[in-house]
Amino acid sequence: MVNYLLKKSYRLKDLKEVDFEDLWGDHGVFTTMWIFDKPSKILFFKEHINNLIKSSKAYSVFKSSLKSDILYLLKKNLVSKRKYNHLLRIALNLF
């Protein structure tokens, strides 16, 4: 059984928070990254984001501000004083 630390979904066009829905069975792209330590670090962050952007172009989910939007949402949701040892999933779907 999975215990979610944080379940949030944001609409891609305006970054407005929307109701969280499980992504199993949906079509889209995702990456799962290890977030660890205090302050938080993400292992191979640049490579994960570059692969996510490349895949989003192939699935026509891409928008030019995608990388900056992801950085904004990470800063908004991660607590600098908290020690992390979690998996972080970023998923983009067509709906």
Protein backbone atom coordinates (compact mmCIF):
# COMPACT_ATOMS: atom_id res chain seq x y z
CA MET A 1 0.00 0.00 0.00
CA VAL A 2 1.29 3.44 -0.92
CA ASN A 3 1.34 6.22 1.64
CA TYR A 4 1.30 9.56 -0.16
CA LEU A 5 3.16 12.41 1.47
CA LEU A 6 1.64 15.02 -0.79
CA LYS A 7 -1.09 14.56 -3.39
CA LYS A 8 -1.66 17.60 -5.54
CA SER A 9 -2.62 18.20 -9.14
CA TYR A 10 -2.27 21.39 -11.12
CA ARG A 11 -3.87 22.38 -14.40
CA LEU A 12 -1.12 22.86 -16.99
CA LYS A 13 -2.53 25.97 -18.67
CA ASP A 14 -2.74 28.18 -15.56
CA LEU A 15 -1.14 26.16 -12.71
CA LYS A 16 -4.37 26.28 -10.72
CA GLU A 17 -4.68 23.49 -8.15
CA VAL A 18 -7.36 20.96 -9.09
CA ASP A 19 -8.72 17.82 -7.43
CA PHE A 20 -6.18 15.01 -7.32
CA GLU A 21 -6.98 11.96 -9.40
CA ASP A 22 -4.96 8.79 -9.64
CA LEU A 23 -3.09 8.64 -12.96
CA TRP A 24 -3.24 4.88 -13.52
CA GLY A 25 -4.72 4.15 -16.94
CA ASP A 26 -4.38 7.71 -18.26
CA HIS A 27 -2.28 8.68 -21.25
CA GLY A 28 0.61 11.06 -20.71
CA VAL A 29 4.21 11.25 -19.53
CA PHE A 30 5.79 11.10 -16.11
CA THR A 31 9.09 10.90 -14.31
CA THR A 32 9.87 9.67 -10.82
CA MET A 33 12.76 11.25 -8.96
CA TRP A 34 14.41 10.63 -5.61
CA ILE A 35 14.19 13.65 -3.33
CA PHE A 36 16.41 13.46 -0.27
CA ASP A 37 18.26 15.32 2.49
CA LYS A 38 17.80 18.69 4.14
CA PRO A 39 17.65 21.07 2.33
CA SER A 40 16.08 18.93 -0.36
CA LYS A 41 18.11 17.61 -3.25
CA ILE A 42 16.85 15.72 -6.29
CA LEU A 43 19.13 13.10 -7.80
CA PHE A 44 19.71 13.65 -11.55
CA PHE A 45 17.14 16.46 -11.60
CA LYS A 46 18.36 18.03 -14.85
CA GLU A 47 18.31 14.70 -16.71
CA HIS A 48 14.82 13.85 -15.43
CA ILE A 49 13.40 17.23 -16.48
CA ASN A 50 15.08 17.09 -19.90
CA ASN A 51 13.64 13.60 -20.52
CA LEU A 52 10.20 14.74 -19.34
CA ILE A 53 10.28 17.70 -21.73
CA LYS A 54 11.43 15.50 -24.61
CA SER A 55 8.60 13.03 -23.93
CA SER A 56 6.03 15.82 -23.54
CA LYS A 57 6.90 17.04 -27.04
CA ALA A 58 6.38 13.54 -28.45
CA TYR A 59 2.95 13.31 -26.77
CA SER A 60 1.97 16.91 -27.65
CA VAL A 61 1.67 17.96 -23.99
CA PHE A 62 4.56 20.42 -24.20
CA LYS A 63 4.39 24.12 -23.49
CA SER A 64 7.34 26.51 -23.57
CA SER A 65 7.22 27.41 -19.88
CA LEU A 66 7.09 23.79 -18.69
CA LYS A 67 10.49 23.76 -17.01
CA SER A 68 9.92 27.04 -15.16
CA ASP A 69 6.42 25.91 -14.14
CA ILE A 70 7.83 22.71 -12.63
CA LEU A 71 10.49 24.67 -10.74
CA TYR A 72 7.85 27.08 -9.44
CA LEU A 73 5.59 24.27 -8.20
CA LEU A 74 8.51 22.46 -6.53
CA LYS A 75 9.52 25.60 -4.66
CA LYS A 76 5.91 26.16 -3.66
CA ASN A 77 5.41 22.63 -2.29
CA LEU A 78 8.75 21.61 -0.77
CA VAL A 79 9.58 22.69 2.76
CA SER A 80 13.22 23.75 3.14
CA LYS A 81 13.39 22.78 6.82
CA ARG A 82 12.14 19.24 6.25
CA LYS A 83 14.42 16.25 5.69
CA TYR A 84 13.22 14.25 2.69
CA ASN A 85 13.75 10.66 1.63
CA HIS A 86 10.89 10.21 -0.82
CA LEU A 87 10.07 9.52 -4.41
CA LEU A 88 8.62 12.47 -6.27
CA ARG A 89 6.47 11.86 -9.33
CA ILE A 90 5.79 14.56 -11.87
CA ALA A 91 3.15 13.54 -14.38
CA LEU A 92 1.63 15.35 -17.34
CA ASN A 93 -1.52 14.08 -18.96
CA LEU A 94 -3.76 15.28 -21.73
CA PHE A 95 -6.83 15.99 -19.60
